[in-house]
N, C-alpha and C. Protein backbone atom coordinates (compact mmCIF):
# COMPACT_ATOMS: atom_id res chain seq x y z
N MET A 1 23.48 -0.25 6.92
CA MET A 1 22.35 0.66 7.04
C MET A 1 21.07 -0.18 7.07
N LYS A 2 20.34 -0.06 8.15
CA LYS A 2 19.10 -0.80 8.29
C LYS A 2 17.93 0.17 8.22
N ILE A 3 17.08 -0.03 7.23
CA ILE A 3 15.90 0.81 7.05
C ILE A 3 14.69 -0.10 6.99
N GLU A 4 13.72 0.15 7.85
CA GLU A 4 12.54 -0.70 7.90
C GLU A 4 11.33 -0.01 7.31
N ILE A 5 10.46 -0.80 6.76
CA ILE A 5 9.19 -0.30 6.25
C ILE A 5 8.32 0.06 7.44
N PRO A 6 7.76 1.27 7.46
CA PRO A 6 6.91 1.65 8.60
C PRO A 6 5.58 0.89 8.57
N GLU A 7 5.01 0.75 9.75
CA GLU A 7 3.71 0.09 9.86
C GLU A 7 2.61 1.04 9.39
N PHE A 8 1.49 0.45 9.00
CA PHE A 8 0.33 1.23 8.59
C PHE A 8 -0.91 0.59 9.21
N ASP A 9 -1.70 1.39 9.95
CA ASP A 9 -2.87 0.84 10.65
C ASP A 9 -4.20 1.13 9.97
N GLY A 10 -4.17 1.91 8.91
CA GLY A 10 -5.39 2.17 8.16
C GLY A 10 -6.24 3.30 8.69
N LYS A 11 -5.83 3.93 9.76
CA LYS A 11 -6.65 4.99 10.37
C LYS A 11 -6.12 6.39 10.07
N SER A 12 -5.18 6.48 9.17
CA SER A 12 -4.52 7.74 8.90
C SER A 12 -5.34 8.68 8.03
N HIS A 13 -5.02 9.96 8.11
CA HIS A 13 -5.53 10.97 7.20
C HIS A 13 -4.99 10.64 5.81
N PRO A 14 -5.72 10.96 4.74
CA PRO A 14 -5.23 10.65 3.38
C PRO A 14 -3.81 11.16 3.11
N ASP A 15 -3.48 12.34 3.59
CA ASP A 15 -2.12 12.85 3.38
C ASP A 15 -1.09 11.98 4.09
N ASP A 16 -1.44 11.46 5.26
CA ASP A 16 -0.53 10.57 5.98
C ASP A 16 -0.36 9.24 5.24
N PHE A 17 -1.46 8.75 4.65
CA PHE A 17 -1.39 7.53 3.85
C PHE A 17 -0.45 7.74 2.66
N ILE A 18 -0.61 8.86 1.97
CA ILE A 18 0.24 9.14 0.81
C ILE A 18 1.70 9.26 1.24
N ASP A 19 1.93 9.89 2.38
CA ASP A 19 3.29 10.01 2.90
C ASP A 19 3.86 8.63 3.22
N TRP A 20 3.07 7.78 3.85
CA TRP A 20 3.49 6.40 4.17
C TRP A 20 3.83 5.65 2.88
N LEU A 21 2.94 5.73 1.90
CA LEU A 21 3.14 5.02 0.64
C LEU A 21 4.40 5.52 -0.08
N SER A 22 4.59 6.81 -0.05
CA SER A 22 5.78 7.39 -0.68
C SER A 22 7.05 6.92 0.03
N THR A 23 7.02 6.86 1.35
CA THR A 23 8.16 6.36 2.12
C THR A 23 8.45 4.91 1.76
N VAL A 24 7.41 4.10 1.68
CA VAL A 24 7.57 2.69 1.31
C VAL A 24 8.24 2.57 -0.06
N GLU A 25 7.78 3.36 -1.02
CA GLU A 25 8.34 3.28 -2.36
C GLU A 25 9.80 3.75 -2.39
N ARG A 26 10.14 4.75 -1.60
CA ARG A 26 11.54 5.20 -1.54
C ARG A 26 12.43 4.10 -0.94
N ILE A 27 11.91 3.39 0.05
CA ILE A 27 12.67 2.27 0.64
C ILE A 27 12.86 1.17 -0.39
N PHE A 28 11.80 0.87 -1.14
CA PHE A 28 11.91 -0.15 -2.19
C PHE A 28 12.98 0.24 -3.21
N ASP A 29 12.99 1.51 -3.61
CA ASP A 29 13.98 1.98 -4.57
C ASP A 29 15.39 1.87 -3.99
N LEU A 30 15.54 2.29 -2.75
CA LEU A 30 16.85 2.26 -2.10
C LEU A 30 17.39 0.84 -1.99
N LYS A 31 16.52 -0.08 -1.61
CA LYS A 31 16.95 -1.46 -1.38
C LYS A 31 16.82 -2.34 -2.61
N ASP A 32 16.29 -1.79 -3.71
CA ASP A 32 16.13 -2.54 -4.96
C ASP A 32 15.36 -3.86 -4.73
N ILE A 33 14.19 -3.71 -4.12
CA ILE A 33 13.35 -4.86 -3.76
C ILE A 33 12.62 -5.38 -5.00
N PRO A 34 12.66 -6.70 -5.26
CA PRO A 34 11.91 -7.25 -6.40
C PRO A 34 10.40 -7.14 -6.17
N ASP A 35 9.65 -6.98 -7.25
CA ASP A 35 8.23 -6.69 -7.18
C ASP A 35 7.40 -7.65 -6.32
N PRO A 36 7.49 -8.97 -6.52
CA PRO A 36 6.64 -9.86 -5.69
C PRO A 36 6.94 -9.76 -4.19
N LEU A 37 8.18 -9.46 -3.84
CA LEU A 37 8.54 -9.34 -2.43
C LEU A 37 7.96 -8.07 -1.81
N LYS A 38 7.74 -7.03 -2.62
CA LYS A 38 7.18 -5.78 -2.12
C LYS A 38 5.83 -6.01 -1.47
N VAL A 39 4.98 -6.80 -2.11
CA VAL A 39 3.64 -7.08 -1.57
C VAL A 39 3.76 -7.76 -0.22
N LYS A 40 4.62 -8.74 -0.12
CA LYS A 40 4.78 -9.48 1.13
C LYS A 40 5.34 -8.60 2.24
N LEU A 41 6.32 -7.77 1.89
CA LEU A 41 6.92 -6.89 2.90
C LEU A 41 5.92 -5.88 3.45
N VAL A 42 5.10 -5.32 2.58
CA VAL A 42 4.10 -4.35 3.04
C VAL A 42 2.99 -5.06 3.80
N ALA A 43 2.56 -6.22 3.33
CA ALA A 43 1.47 -6.95 3.98
C ALA A 43 1.79 -7.25 5.45
N ILE A 44 3.05 -7.56 5.76
CA ILE A 44 3.38 -7.86 7.16
C ILE A 44 3.48 -6.60 8.01
N LYS A 45 3.48 -5.43 7.38
CA LYS A 45 3.52 -4.17 8.11
C LYS A 45 2.13 -3.54 8.30
N LEU A 46 1.10 -4.20 7.78
CA LEU A 46 -0.26 -3.70 7.98
C LEU A 46 -0.72 -4.09 9.38
N ARG A 47 -1.34 -3.16 10.06
CA ARG A 47 -1.80 -3.37 11.43
C ARG A 47 -3.28 -3.00 11.53
N LYS A 48 -3.91 -3.47 12.57
CA LYS A 48 -5.29 -3.12 12.94
C LYS A 48 -6.23 -3.20 11.74
N SER A 49 -6.93 -2.11 11.45
CA SER A 49 -7.95 -2.17 10.39
C SER A 49 -7.34 -2.43 9.02
N ALA A 50 -6.11 -1.99 8.79
CA ALA A 50 -5.47 -2.27 7.50
C ALA A 50 -5.19 -3.76 7.34
N SER A 51 -4.75 -4.40 8.41
CA SER A 51 -4.51 -5.84 8.38
C SER A 51 -5.81 -6.61 8.19
N LEU A 52 -6.84 -6.21 8.90
CA LEU A 52 -8.15 -6.86 8.75
C LEU A 52 -8.68 -6.71 7.32
N TRP A 53 -8.52 -5.51 6.76
CA TRP A 53 -8.95 -5.29 5.39
C TRP A 53 -8.22 -6.23 4.44
N TRP A 54 -6.91 -6.37 4.60
CA TRP A 54 -6.13 -7.19 3.68
C TRP A 54 -6.51 -8.67 3.80
N GLU A 55 -6.72 -9.15 5.01
CA GLU A 55 -7.15 -10.54 5.17
C GLU A 55 -8.51 -10.76 4.50
N HIS A 56 -9.42 -9.82 4.68
CA HIS A 56 -10.74 -9.91 4.04
C HIS A 56 -10.60 -9.86 2.51
N GLU A 57 -9.76 -8.98 2.02
CA GLU A 57 -9.55 -8.84 0.58
C GLU A 57 -8.99 -10.13 -0.03
N LYS A 58 -8.04 -10.75 0.66
CA LYS A 58 -7.48 -12.02 0.16
C LYS A 58 -8.55 -13.10 0.10
N LYS A 59 -9.38 -13.20 1.14
CA LYS A 59 -10.46 -14.21 1.15
C LYS A 59 -11.49 -13.92 0.07
N ARG A 60 -11.83 -12.64 -0.09
CA ARG A 60 -12.80 -12.26 -1.11
C ARG A 60 -12.30 -12.63 -2.50
N ARG A 61 -11.04 -12.36 -2.75
CA ARG A 61 -10.45 -12.69 -4.05
C ARG A 61 -10.42 -14.20 -4.27
N GLN A 62 -10.11 -14.94 -3.23
CA GLN A 62 -10.06 -16.39 -3.34
C GLN A 62 -11.45 -16.95 -3.65
N GLN A 63 -12.47 -16.45 -2.93
CA GLN A 63 -13.84 -16.90 -3.17
C GLN A 63 -14.33 -16.55 -4.57
N ALA A 64 -13.87 -15.43 -5.08
CA ALA A 64 -14.25 -15.00 -6.43
C ALA A 64 -13.35 -15.64 -7.49
N GLN A 65 -12.47 -16.52 -7.05
CA GLN A 65 -11.52 -17.23 -7.91
C GLN A 65 -10.64 -16.27 -8.72
N LYS A 66 -10.26 -15.18 -8.06
CA LYS A 66 -9.32 -14.24 -8.66
C LYS A 66 -7.92 -14.65 -8.24
N SER A 67 -6.95 -14.24 -9.03
CA SER A 67 -5.56 -14.58 -8.73
C SER A 67 -5.07 -13.82 -7.49
N LYS A 68 -4.05 -14.40 -6.87
CA LYS A 68 -3.42 -13.73 -5.73
C LYS A 68 -2.79 -12.43 -6.21
N VAL A 69 -2.77 -11.46 -5.31
CA VAL A 69 -2.13 -10.19 -5.63
C VAL A 69 -0.63 -10.36 -5.37
N GLU A 70 0.13 -10.39 -6.44
CA GLU A 70 1.57 -10.59 -6.32
C GLU A 70 2.39 -9.43 -6.84
N MET A 71 1.76 -8.54 -7.59
CA MET A 71 2.49 -7.42 -8.16
C MET A 71 2.21 -6.15 -7.35
N TRP A 72 3.25 -5.37 -7.13
CA TRP A 72 3.16 -4.17 -6.32
C TRP A 72 2.15 -3.18 -6.89
N ALA A 73 2.11 -3.00 -8.19
CA ALA A 73 1.20 -2.02 -8.79
C ALA A 73 -0.26 -2.37 -8.45
N LYS A 74 -0.61 -3.64 -8.48
CA LYS A 74 -1.98 -4.06 -8.15
C LYS A 74 -2.25 -3.85 -6.66
N PHE A 75 -1.32 -4.24 -5.82
CA PHE A 75 -1.50 -4.09 -4.38
C PHE A 75 -1.64 -2.61 -4.02
N LYS A 76 -0.79 -1.78 -4.62
CA LYS A 76 -0.84 -0.34 -4.37
C LYS A 76 -2.19 0.24 -4.80
N LYS A 77 -2.69 -0.23 -5.94
CA LYS A 77 -4.00 0.23 -6.42
C LYS A 77 -5.11 -0.17 -5.44
N LEU A 78 -5.05 -1.37 -4.90
CA LEU A 78 -6.04 -1.81 -3.91
C LEU A 78 -5.93 -0.97 -2.63
N LEU A 79 -4.72 -0.72 -2.18
CA LEU A 79 -4.52 0.12 -0.99
C LEU A 79 -5.10 1.51 -1.20
N GLN A 80 -4.80 2.10 -2.34
CA GLN A 80 -5.30 3.43 -2.64
C GLN A 80 -6.83 3.43 -2.72
N GLY A 81 -7.39 2.38 -3.32
CA GLY A 81 -8.84 2.29 -3.42
C GLY A 81 -9.51 2.21 -2.06
N LYS A 82 -8.82 1.58 -1.12
CA LYS A 82 -9.38 1.43 0.22
C LYS A 82 -9.10 2.64 1.12
N PHE A 83 -7.90 3.16 1.09
CA PHE A 83 -7.48 4.14 2.09
C PHE A 83 -7.43 5.58 1.61
N LEU A 84 -7.73 5.81 0.34
CA LEU A 84 -7.90 7.18 -0.14
C LEU A 84 -9.39 7.37 -0.40
N PRO A 85 -10.00 8.36 0.19
CA PRO A 85 -11.43 8.59 -0.02
C PRO A 85 -11.74 8.84 -1.49
N VAL A 86 -12.94 8.48 -1.89
CA VAL A 86 -13.37 8.67 -3.27
C VAL A 86 -13.22 10.12 -3.68
N ASN A 87 -13.52 11.03 -2.78
CA ASN A 87 -13.46 12.46 -3.11
C ASN A 87 -12.04 13.03 -3.05
N TYR A 88 -11.07 12.21 -2.67
CA TYR A 88 -9.69 12.69 -2.62
C TYR A 88 -9.17 12.79 -4.05
N SER A 89 -8.72 13.92 -4.40
CA SER A 89 -8.34 14.21 -5.77
C SER A 89 -7.12 13.41 -6.23
N GLN A 90 -7.27 12.73 -7.35
CA GLN A 90 -6.14 12.03 -7.96
C GLN A 90 -5.06 13.03 -8.36
N GLU A 91 -5.49 14.23 -8.70
CA GLU A 91 -4.53 15.27 -9.06
C GLU A 91 -3.64 15.62 -7.88
N ALA A 92 -4.22 15.69 -6.69
CA ALA A 92 -3.43 15.98 -5.50
C ALA A 92 -2.43 14.86 -5.26
N PHE A 93 -2.86 13.63 -5.49
CA PHE A 93 -1.97 12.48 -5.33
C PHE A 93 -0.78 12.59 -6.30
N MET A 94 -1.08 12.89 -7.56
CA MET A 94 -0.03 13.00 -8.56
C MET A 94 0.88 14.20 -8.26
N GLU A 95 0.30 15.30 -7.84
CA GLU A 95 1.08 16.49 -7.51
C GLU A 95 2.05 16.18 -6.37
N TYR A 96 1.56 15.46 -5.38
CA TYR A 96 2.39 15.11 -4.24
C TYR A 96 3.62 14.31 -4.70
N HIS A 97 3.38 13.34 -5.59
CA HIS A 97 4.48 12.50 -6.06
C HIS A 97 5.43 13.24 -6.98
N THR A 98 4.95 14.26 -7.64
CA THR A 98 5.81 15.06 -8.52
C THR A 98 6.82 15.85 -7.69
N PHE A 99 6.42 16.29 -6.50
CA PHE A 99 7.28 17.12 -5.67
C PHE A 99 8.03 16.34 -4.60
N SER A 100 7.72 15.07 -4.41
CA SER A 100 8.40 14.32 -3.34
C SER A 100 9.66 13.65 -3.81
């Protein structure tokens, strides 16, 4: 059974982003992916503005002498901070994950 992580271009509606993220996490659970590998697997699936954002974020962190993002929870938090609008309700995000 071959299941691939879908690409993400950063131009999606917030609900589409949440759906993408949920799909990624289900794939990780199914394949029992170790945490540091999760970041690398998702990073190679970022396209267009999402890829540009990630390259900029890595350089910004390096210039600020911050550690590399190696843990999935941190990477996911950065993705959510970038691709979920400030006014997007955290409650809606949690509700979505409760029912998915």
